[in-house]
Amino acid sequence: MGKKKVKTVVRLQIQAGKATPAPPVGTALGPHGINIMEFCRAYNERTAAQAGMVIPAEITVYEDRSFNFITKTPPAYDLLKKAAGVEKGSAQPNRDKVGTVTAAQVRRSPRSSSPISTPSTSGRRCTPLRARPAPWA
């Protein structure tokens, strides 16, 4: 028995623990013929501990209508909102400031522990990103 043939890869960003067969999950997965309720149940179980965060999922759908998925780290905007302690961003960006995040908070975030690119993967020399205060602040 050989490897399964991949039909497609679907990427979704869903609230952790709140996946339902309704849109956007149903409309994204329905045309591929997979069991949407099975995906929702598995996704909700896997992300229950991260409730309140948006967790991206990469779903690999195979020709025989089976699937598997991996969850990724939350988007940077979600992590920054959590670190700043705000529920939503500014209504007027670059004009109204709704919170601040220190360099120490950025270093503790899950994204800072995983490199964006490394010399072994990109073939180029990379310098680490450092949080600096804005010159106008």
Foldseek 3Di string as FASTA:
>chain_A
DDDFAWPDKDKDWDFALDDDCDPPQVVRCVVLPADSVVVSVVRNVVRVVVGPFTWMKIWTATPVRDIDIDIDDGDPVRLVCVQFVHDDADPDPPPDHDGDHDQVSVCPDPVVVDDPDDCVRPVDHDDRDGDDDDPVD
